[in-house]
């Protein structure tokens, strides 16, 4: 699944505006399947989407966790907590 620069920018803007689980999940997909895969970022976005009720994000987060080190997972979790504390409660 490839995302255009425009779609990526739109997803980030939507998350900044509302932080709904669909756009959080979309960012997880972008970072887990895009041209520049970043598993820590993907895990963070899937984690945030899962917290907001996305069952698909829970499954994706679990799958990513199997490919990540404990340190990477810890970093993703710290980033998610920071995002929640600064951006959206």
PDB file of N, CA and C in Angstrom:
ATOM      1  N   UNK A   1       0.859  -1.174   0.000  1.00  0.00           N
ATOM      2  CA  UNK A   1       0.000   0.000   0.000  1.00  0.00           C
ATOM      3  C   UNK A   1       0.901   1.232   0.000  1.00  0.00           C
ATOM      4  N   UNK A   2       0.758   2.054  -0.982  1.00  0.00           N
ATOM      5  CA  UNK A   2       1.560   3.265  -1.081  1.00  0.00           C
ATOM      6  C   UNK A   2       0.685   4.485  -0.823  1.00  0.00           C
ATOM      7  N   UNK A   3       1.237   5.423  -0.116  1.00  0.00           N
ATOM      8  CA  UNK A   3       0.534   6.667   0.182  1.00  0.00           C
ATOM      9  C   UNK A   3       1.270   7.810  -0.481  1.00  0.00           C
ATOM     10  N   UNK A   4       0.520   8.752  -1.009  1.00  0.00           N
ATOM     11  CA  UNK A   4       1.128   9.932  -1.620  1.00  0.00           C
ATOM     12  C   UNK A   4       1.531  10.911  -0.519  1.00  0.00           C
ATOM     13  N   UNK A   5       2.408  11.829  -0.865  1.00  0.00           N
ATOM     14  CA  UNK A   5       2.807  12.863   0.083  1.00  0.00           C
ATOM     15  C   UNK A   5       1.591  13.637   0.565  1.00  0.00           C
ATOM     16  N   UNK A   6       0.660  13.863  -0.334  1.00  0.00           N
ATOM     17  CA  UNK A   6      -0.565  14.586   0.006  1.00  0.00           C
ATOM     18  C   UNK A   6      -1.391  13.807   1.039  1.00  0.00           C
ATOM     19  N   UNK A   7      -1.524  12.501   0.841  1.00  0.00           N
ATOM     20  CA  UNK A   7      -2.280  11.676   1.800  1.00  0.00           C
ATOM     21  C   UNK A   7      -1.606  11.654   3.161  1.00  0.00           C
ATOM     22  N   UNK A   8      -0.290  11.597   3.168  1.00  0.00           N
ATOM     23  CA  UNK A   8       0.450  11.604   4.427  1.00  0.00           C
ATOM     24  C   UNK A   8       0.235  12.927   5.147  1.00  0.00           C
ATOM     25  N   UNK A   9       0.346  14.018   4.421  1.00  0.00           N
ATOM     26  CA  UNK A   9       0.131  15.342   5.018  1.00  0.00           C
ATOM     27  C   UNK A   9      -1.295  15.489   5.534  1.00  0.00           C
ATOM     28  N   UNK A  10      -2.264  14.994   4.772  1.00  0.00           N
ATOM     29  CA  UNK A  10      -3.661  15.059   5.195  1.00  0.00           C
ATOM     30  C   UNK A  10      -3.893  14.250   6.472  1.00  0.00           C
ATOM     31  N   UNK A  11      -3.289  13.085   6.572  1.00  0.00           N
ATOM     32  CA  UNK A  11      -3.458  12.253   7.767  1.00  0.00           C
ATOM     33  C   UNK A  11      -2.861  12.941   8.985  1.00  0.00           C
ATOM     34  N   UNK A  12      -1.675  13.542   8.830  1.00  0.00           N
ATOM     35  CA  UNK A  12      -1.069  14.270   9.950  1.00  0.00           C
ATOM     36  C   UNK A  12      -1.940  15.462  10.356  1.00  0.00           C
ATOM     37  N   UNK A  13      -2.460  16.187   9.387  1.00  0.00           N
ATOM     38  CA  UNK A  13      -3.319  17.341   9.688  1.00  0.00           C
ATOM     39  C   UNK A  13      -4.598  16.893  10.392  1.00  0.00           C
ATOM     40  N   UNK A  14      -5.185  15.800   9.941  1.00  0.00           N
ATOM     41  CA  UNK A  14      -6.411  15.293  10.565  1.00  0.00           C
ATOM     42  C   UNK A  14      -6.166  14.860  11.994  1.00  0.00           C
ATOM     43  N   UNK A  15      -5.029  14.246  12.253  1.00  0.00           N
ATOM     44  CA  UNK A  15      -4.699  13.817  13.611  1.00  0.00           C
ATOM     45  C   UNK A  15      -4.472  15.028  14.513  1.00  0.00           C
ATOM     46  N   UNK A  16      -3.795  16.048  13.971  1.00  0.00           N
ATOM     47  CA  UNK A  16      -3.600  17.264  14.771  1.00  0.00           C
ATOM     48  C   UNK A  16      -4.936  17.911  15.109  1.00  0.00           C
ATOM     49  N   UNK A  17      -5.876  17.853  14.190  1.00  0.00           N
ATOM     50  CA  UNK A  17      -7.175  18.501  14.389  1.00  0.00           C
ATOM     51  C   UNK A  17      -8.082  17.716  15.328  1.00  0.00           C
ATOM     52  N   UNK A  18      -8.122  16.398  15.172  1.00  0.00           N
ATOM     53  CA  UNK A  18      -9.122  15.630  15.928  1.00  0.00           C
ATOM     54  C   UNK A  18      -8.558  14.420  16.657  1.00  0.00           C
ATOM     55  N   UNK A  19      -7.511  13.809  16.151  1.00  0.00           N
ATOM     56  CA  UNK A  19      -6.939  12.638  16.795  1.00  0.00           C
ATOM     57  C   UNK A  19      -7.853  11.425  16.818  1.00  0.00           C
ATOM     58  N   UNK A  20      -8.708  11.279  15.781  1.00  0.00           N
ATOM     59  CA  UNK A  20      -9.628  10.145  15.746  1.00  0.00           C
ATOM     60  C   UNK A  20      -8.878   8.866  15.389  1.00  0.00           C
ATOM     61  N   UNK A  21      -9.449   7.731  15.772  1.00  0.00           N
ATOM     62  CA  UNK A  21      -8.745   6.453  15.607  1.00  0.00           C
ATOM     63  C   UNK A  21      -8.512   6.101  14.143  1.00  0.00           C
ATOM     64  N   UNK A  22      -9.377   6.498  13.230  1.00  0.00           N
ATOM     65  CA  UNK A  22      -9.180   6.154  11.817  1.00  0.00           C
ATOM     66  C   UNK A  22      -7.909   6.792  11.255  1.00  0.00           C
ATOM     67  N   UNK A  23      -7.693   8.060  11.561  1.00  0.00           N
ATOM     68  CA  UNK A  23      -6.494   8.729  11.056  1.00  0.00           C
ATOM     69  C   UNK A  23      -5.243   8.315  11.821  1.00  0.00           C
ATOM     70  N   UNK A  24      -5.379   8.004  13.093  1.00  0.00           N
ATOM     71  CA  UNK A  24      -4.241   7.460  13.839  1.00  0.00           C
ATOM     72  C   UNK A  24      -3.818   6.126  13.224  1.00  0.00           C
ATOM     73  N   UNK A  25      -4.800   5.291  12.911  1.00  0.00           N
ATOM     74  CA  UNK A  25      -4.543   4.002  12.276  1.00  0.00           C
ATOM     75  C   UNK A  25      -3.892   4.201  10.908  1.00  0.00           C
ATOM     76  N   UNK A  26      -4.386   5.176  10.152  1.00  0.00           N
ATOM     77  CA  UNK A  26      -3.822   5.447   8.824  1.00  0.00           C
ATOM     78  C   UNK A  26      -2.349   5.825   8.940  1.00  0.00           C
ATOM     79  N   UNK A  27      -1.990   6.622   9.947  1.00  0.00           N
ATOM     80  CA  UNK A  27      -0.585   6.974  10.135  1.00  0.00           C
ATOM     81  C   UNK A  27       0.235   5.726  10.471  1.00  0.00           C
ATOM     82  N   UNK A  28      -0.336   4.816  11.255  1.00  0.00           N
ATOM     83  CA  UNK A  28       0.354   3.558  11.528  1.00  0.00           C
ATOM     84  C   UNK A  28       0.634   2.797  10.245  1.00  0.00           C
ATOM     85  N   UNK A  29      -0.357   2.765   9.364  1.00  0.00           N
ATOM     86  CA  UNK A  29      -0.172   2.104   8.071  1.00  0.00           C
ATOM     87  C   UNK A  29       0.905   2.796   7.244  1.00  0.00           C
ATOM     88  N   UNK A  30       0.883   4.104   7.242  1.00  0.00           N
ATOM     89  CA  UNK A  30       1.859   4.867   6.478  1.00  0.00           C
ATOM     90  C   UNK A  30       3.279   4.527   6.932  1.00  0.00           C
ATOM     91  N   UNK A  31       3.492   4.522   8.247  1.00  0.00           N
ATOM     92  CA  UNK A  31       4.844   4.276   8.756  1.00  0.00           C
ATOM     93  C   UNK A  31       5.239   2.800   8.717  1.00  0.00           C
ATOM     94  N   UNK A  32       4.278   1.902   8.601  1.00  0.00           N
ATOM     95  CA  UNK A  32       4.624   0.476   8.566  1.00  0.00           C
ATOM     96  C   UNK A  32       4.726  -0.075   7.145  1.00  0.00           C
ATOM     97  N   UNK A  33       4.204   0.637   6.161  1.00  0.00           N
ATOM     98  CA  UNK A  33       4.207   0.114   4.791  1.00  0.00           C
ATOM     99  C   UNK A  33       4.784   1.073   3.769  1.00  0.00           C
ATOM    100  N   UNK A  34       5.059   2.281   4.156  1.00  0.00           N
ATOM    101  CA  UNK A  34       5.507   3.287   3.205  1.00  0.00           C
ATOM    102  C   UNK A  34       6.925   3.074   2.734  1.00  0.00           C
ATOM    103  N   UNK A  35       7.396   3.988   1.907  1.00  0.00           N
ATOM    104  CA  UNK A  35       8.748   3.859   1.361  1.00  0.00           C
ATOM    105  C   UNK A  35       9.832   3.976   2.435  1.00  0.00           C
ATOM    106  N   UNK A  36       9.539   4.680   3.513  1.00  0.00           N
ATOM    107  CA  UNK A  36      10.489   4.829   4.618  1.00  0.00           C
ATOM    108  C   UNK A  36       9.855   4.241   5.869  1.00  0.00           C
ATOM    109  N   UNK A  37       9.964   2.934   6.010  1.00  0.00           N
ATOM    110  CA  UNK A  37       9.341   2.240   7.138  1.00  0.00           C
ATOM    111  C   UNK A  37      10.022   2.645   8.434  1.00  0.00           C
ATOM    112  N   UNK A  38       9.204   2.978   9.429  1.00  0.00           N
ATOM    113  CA  UNK A  38       9.671   3.341  10.765  1.00  0.00           C
ATOM    114  C   UNK A  38       8.783   2.590  11.748  1.00  0.00           C
ATOM    115  N   UNK A  39       9.267   1.446  12.223  1.00  0.00           N
ATOM    116  CA  UNK A  39       8.442   0.602  13.082  1.00  0.00           C
ATOM    117  C   UNK A  39       8.100   1.261  14.405  1.00  0.00           C
ATOM    118  N   UNK A  40       8.995   2.081  14.935  1.00  0.00           N
ATOM    119  CA  UNK A  40       8.714   2.768  16.195  1.00  0.00           C
ATOM    120  C   UNK A  40       7.550   3.740  16.005  1.00  0.00           C
ATOM    121  N   UNK A  41       7.606   4.533  14.938  1.00  0.00           N
ATOM    122  CA  UNK A  41       6.506   5.467  14.658  1.00  0.00           C
ATOM    123  C   UNK A  41       5.207   4.707  14.368  1.00  0.00           C
ATOM    124  N   UNK A  42       5.303   3.654  13.591  1.00  0.00           N
ATOM    125  CA  UNK A  42       4.110   2.874  13.257  1.00  0.00           C
ATOM    126  C   UNK A  42       3.476   2.311  14.523  1.00  0.00           C
ATOM    127  N   UNK A  43       4.286   1.743  15.398  1.00  0.00           N
ATOM    128  CA  UNK A  43       3.777   1.181  16.657  1.00  0.00           C
ATOM    129  C   UNK A  43       3.109   2.267  17.484  1.00  0.00           C
ATOM    130  N   UNK A  44       3.737   3.435  17.554  1.00  0.00           N
ATOM    131  CA  UNK A  44       3.171   4.544  18.317  1.00  0.00           C
ATOM    132  C   UNK A  44       1.773   4.899  17.804  1.00  0.00           C
ATOM    133  N   UNK A  45       1.633   5.061  16.476  1.00  0.00           N
ATOM    134  CA  UNK A  45       0.335   5.450  15.915  1.00  0.00           C
ATOM    135  C   UNK A  45      -0.695   4.338  16.080  1.00  0.00           C
ATOM    136  N   UNK A  46      -0.279   3.078  15.881  1.00  0.00           N
ATOM    137  CA  UNK A  46      -1.211   1.973  16.095  1.00  0.00           C
ATOM    138  C   UNK A  46      -1.627   1.913  17.564  1.00  0.00           C
ATOM    139  N   UNK A  47      -0.705   2.155  18.460  1.00  0.00           N
ATOM    140  CA  UNK A  47      -1.019   2.149  19.881  1.00  0.00           C
ATOM    141  C   UNK A  47      -2.053   3.221  20.215  1.00  0.00           C
ATOM    142  N   UNK A  48      -1.867   4.411  19.682  1.00  0.00           N
ATOM    143  CA  UNK A  48      -2.819   5.501  19.926  1.00  0.00           C
ATOM    144  C   UNK A  48      -4.193   5.177  19.338  1.00  0.00           C
ATOM    145  N   UNK A  49      -4.203   4.592  18.143  1.00  0.00           N
ATOM    146  CA  UNK A  49      -5.476   4.204  17.526  1.00  0.00           C
ATOM    147  C   UNK A  49      -6.153   3.108  18.345  1.00  0.00           C
ATOM    148  N   UNK A  50      -5.373   2.174  18.847  1.00  0.00           N
ATOM    149  CA  UNK A  50      -5.924   1.087  19.663  1.00  0.00           C
ATOM    150  C   UNK A  50      -6.552   1.626  20.939  1.00  0.00           C
ATOM    151  N   UNK A  51      -5.894   2.587  21.552  1.00  0.00           N
ATOM    152  CA  UNK A  51      -6.425   3.208  22.772  1.00  0.00           C
ATOM    153  C   UNK A  51      -7.778   3.862  22.490  1.00  0.00           C
ATOM    154  N   UNK A  52      -7.944   4.348  21.272  1.00  0.00           N
ATOM    155  CA  UNK A  52      -9.195   5.005  20.890  1.00  0.00           C
ATOM    156  C   UNK A  52     -10.200   4.045  20.265  1.00  0.00           C
ATOM    157  N   UNK A  53      -9.917   2.739  20.342  1.00  0.00           N
ATOM    158  CA  UNK A  53     -10.929   1.764  19.969  1.00  0.00           C
ATOM    159  C   UNK A  53     -10.744   0.998  18.683  1.00  0.00           C
ATOM    160  N   UNK A  54      -9.647   1.177  17.985  1.00  0.00           N
ATOM    161  CA  UNK A  54      -9.447   0.483  16.717  1.00  0.00           C
ATOM    162  C   UNK A  54      -8.953  -0.946  16.947  1.00  0.00           C
ATOM    163  N   UNK A  55      -9.797  -1.909  16.593  1.00  0.00           N
ATOM    164  CA  UNK A  55      -9.409  -3.316  16.712  1.00  0.00           C
ATOM    165  C   UNK A  55      -8.320  -3.669  15.697  1.00  0.00           C
ATOM    166  N   UNK A  56      -8.405  -3.110  14.498  1.00  0.00           N
ATOM    167  CA  UNK A  56      -7.390  -3.366  13.473  1.00  0.00           C
ATOM    168  C   UNK A  56      -6.023  -2.879  13.951  1.00  0.00           C
ATOM    169  N   UNK A  57      -6.003  -1.724  14.621  1.00  0.00           N
ATOM    170  CA  UNK A  57      -4.739  -1.183  15.132  1.00  0.00           C
ATOM    171  C   UNK A  57      -4.151  -2.095  16.204  1.00  0.00           C
ATOM    172  N   UNK A  58      -4.995  -2.692  17.017  1.00  0.00           N
ATOM    173  CA  UNK A  58      -4.504  -3.624  18.046  1.00  0.00           C
ATOM    174  C   UNK A  58      -3.781  -4.792  17.393  1.00  0.00           C
ATOM    175  N   UNK A  59      -4.352  -5.325  16.335  1.00  0.00           N
ATOM    176  CA  UNK A  59      -3.743  -6.451  15.632  1.00  0.00           C
ATOM    177  C   UNK A  59      -2.428  -6.034  14.966  1.00  0.00           C
ATOM    178  N   UNK A  60      -2.420  -4.883  14.318  1.00  0.00           N
ATOM    179  CA  UNK A  60      -1.201  -4.402  13.666  1.00  0.00           C
ATOM    180  C   UNK A  60      -0.105  -4.132  14.692  1.00  0.00           C
ATOM    181  N   UNK A  61      -0.473  -3.560  15.812  1.00  0.00           N
ATOM    182  CA  UNK A  61       0.497  -3.288  16.873  1.00  0.00           C
ATOM    183  C   UNK A  61       1.117  -4.588  17.373  1.00  0.00           C
ATOM    184  N   UNK A  62       0.286  -5.616  17.537  1.00  0.00           N
ATOM    185  CA  UNK A  62       0.780  -6.913  17.991  1.00  0.00           C
ATOM    186  C   UNK A  62       1.759  -7.498  16.979  1.00  0.00           C
ATOM    187  N   UNK A  63       1.396  -7.425  15.701  1.00  0.00           N
ATOM    188  CA  UNK A  63       2.276  -7.949  14.657  1.00  0.00           C
ATOM    189  C   UNK A  63       3.608  -7.204  14.611  1.00  0.00           C
ATOM    190  N   UNK A  64       3.560  -5.881  14.740  1.00  0.00           N
ATOM    191  CA  UNK A  64       4.794  -5.099  14.741  1.00  0.00           C
ATOM    192  C   UNK A  64       5.664  -5.446  15.940  1.00  0.00           C
ATOM    193  N   UNK A  65       5.032  -5.647  17.087  1.00  0.00           N
ATOM    194  CA  UNK A  65       5.780  -5.956  18.306  1.00  0.00           C
ATOM    195  C   UNK A  65       6.640  -7.196  18.134  1.00  0.00           C
ATOM    196  N   UNK A  66       6.165  -8.150  17.340  1.00  0.00           N
ATOM    197  CA  UNK A  66       6.926  -9.377  17.090  1.00  0.00           C
ATOM    198  C   UNK A  66       8.198  -9.109  16.285  1.00  0.00           C
ATOM    199  N   UNK A  67       8.256  -7.976  15.592  1.00  0.00           N
ATOM    200  CA  UNK A  67       9.410  -7.644  14.752  1.00  0.00           C
ATOM    201  C   UNK A  67      10.339  -6.627  15.409  1.00  0.00           C
ATOM    202  N   UNK A  68       9.971  -6.165  16.612  1.00  0.00           N
ATOM    203  CA  UNK A  68      10.708  -5.083  17.249  1.00  0.00           C
ATOM    204  C   UNK A  68      11.433  -5.566  18.500  1.00  0.00           C
ATOM    205  N   UNK A  69      12.500  -4.846  18.849  1.00  0.00           N
ATOM    206  CA  UNK A  69      13.199  -5.125  20.102  1.00  0.00           C
ATOM    207  C   UNK A  69      12.408  -4.510  21.260  1.00  0.00           C
ATOM    208  N   UNK A  70      12.729  -4.943  22.458  1.00  0.00           N
ATOM    209  CA  UNK A  70      12.077  -4.372  23.649  1.00  0.00           C
ATOM    210  C   UNK A  70      12.353  -2.885  23.761  1.00  0.00           C
ATOM    211  N   UNK A  71      13.560  -2.464  23.393  1.00  0.00           N
ATOM    212  CA  UNK A  71      13.902  -1.042  23.439  1.00  0.00           C
ATOM    213  C   UNK A  71      13.082  -0.230  22.442  1.00  0.00           C
ATOM    214  N   UNK A  72      12.870  -0.780  21.255  1.00  0.00           N
ATOM    215  CA  UNK A  72      12.054  -0.087  20.252  1.00  0.00           C
ATOM    216  C   UNK A  72      10.604   0.039  20.715  1.00  0.00           C
ATOM    217  N   UNK A  73      10.071  -1.020  21.300  1.00  0.00           N
ATOM    218  CA  UNK A  73       8.697  -0.975  21.810  1.00  0.00           C
ATOM    219  C   UNK A  73       8.586   0.053  22.932  1.00  0.00           C
ATOM    220  N   UNK A  74       9.573   0.056  23.817  1.00  0.00           N
ATOM    221  CA  UNK A  74       9.568   1.032  24.916  1.00  0.00           C
ATOM    222  C   UNK A  74       9.599   2.457  24.375  1.00  0.00           C
ATOM    223  N   UNK A  75      10.409   2.704  23.349  1.00  0.00           N
ATOM    224  CA  UNK A  75      10.469   4.034  22.735  1.00  0.00           C
ATOM    225  C   UNK A  75       9.123   4.416  22.130  1.00  0.00           C
ATOM    226  N   UNK A  76       8.489   3.471  21.441  1.00  0.00           N
ATOM    227  CA  UNK A  76       7.180   3.737  20.843  1.00  0.00           C
ATOM    228  C   UNK A  76       6.150   4.059  21.922  1.00  0.00           C
ATOM    229  N   UNK A  77       6.190   3.343  23.017  1.00  0.00           N
ATOM    230  CA  UNK A  77       5.242   3.592  24.105  1.00  0.00           C
ATOM    231  C   UNK A  77       5.495   4.942  24.758  1.00  0.00           C
ATOM    232  N   UNK A  78       6.773   5.300  24.952  1.00  0.00           N
ATOM    233  CA  UNK A  78       7.090   6.629  25.499  1.00  0.00           C
ATOM    234  C   UNK A  78       6.586   7.723  24.568  1.00  0.00           C
ATOM    235  N   UNK A  79       6.799   7.531  23.272  1.00  0.00           N
ATOM    236  CA  UNK A  79       6.347   8.534  22.300  1.00  0.00           C
ATOM    237  C   UNK A  79       4.828   8.683  22.311  1.00  0.00           C
ATOM    238  N   UNK A  80       4.118   7.570  22.442  1.00  0.00           N
ATOM    239  CA  UNK A  80       2.650   7.613  22.498  1.00  0.00           C
ATOM    240  C   UNK A  80       2.186   8.355  23.756  1.00  0.00           C
ATOM    241  N   UNK A  81       2.816   8.067  24.890  1.00  0.00           N
ATOM    242  CA  UNK A  81       2.438   8.767  26.134  1.00  0.00           C
ATOM    243  C   UNK A  81       2.712  10.256  26.026  1.00  0.00           C
ATOM    244  N   UNK A  82       3.861  10.601  25.432  1.00  0.00           N
ATOM    245  CA  UNK A  82       4.195  12.012  25.257  1.00  0.00           C
ATOM    246  C   UNK A  82       3.179  12.691  24.349  1.00  0.00           C
ATOM    247  N   UNK A  83       2.821  12.036  23.251  1.00  0.00           N
ATOM    248  CA  UNK A  83       1.841  12.602  22.325  1.00  0.00           C
ATOM    249  C   UNK A  83       0.522  12.848  23.037  1.00  0.00           C
ATOM    250  N   UNK A  84       0.104  11.892  23.841  1.00  0.00           N
ATOM    251  CA  UNK A  84      -1.162  12.046  24.576  1.00  0.00           C
ATOM    252  C   UNK A  84      -1.078  13.194  25.587  1.00  0.00           C
ATOM    253  N   UNK A  85       0.043  13.321  26.255  1.00  0.00           N
ATOM    254  CA  UNK A  85       0.150  14.358  27.278  1.00  0.00           C
ATOM    255  C   UNK A  85       0.266  15.742  26.695  1.00  0.00           C
ATOM    256  N   UNK A  86       0.851  15.850  25.511  1.00  0.00           N
ATOM    257  CA  UNK A  86       1.067  17.161  24.886  1.00  0.00           C
ATOM    258  C   UNK A  86      -0.026  17.511  23.899  1.00  0.00           C
ATOM    259  N   UNK A  87      -0.444  16.538  23.106  1.00  0.00           N
ATOM    260  CA  UNK A  87      -1.334  16.819  21.988  1.00  0.00           C
ATOM    261  C   UNK A  87      -2.811  16.636  22.313  1.00  0.00           C
ATOM    262  N   UNK A  88      -3.177  15.420  22.679  1.00  0.00           N
ATOM    263  CA  UNK A  88      -4.593  15.093  22.844  1.00  0.00           C
ATOM    264  C   UNK A  88      -4.787  14.251  24.089  1.00  0.00           C
ATOM    265  N   UNK A  89      -5.569  14.750  25.001  1.00  0.00           N
ATOM    266  CA  UNK A  89      -5.808  14.019  26.260  1.00  0.00           C
ATOM    267  C   UNK A  89      -6.810  12.934  26.078  1.00  0.00           C
TER     268      UNK A  89
END
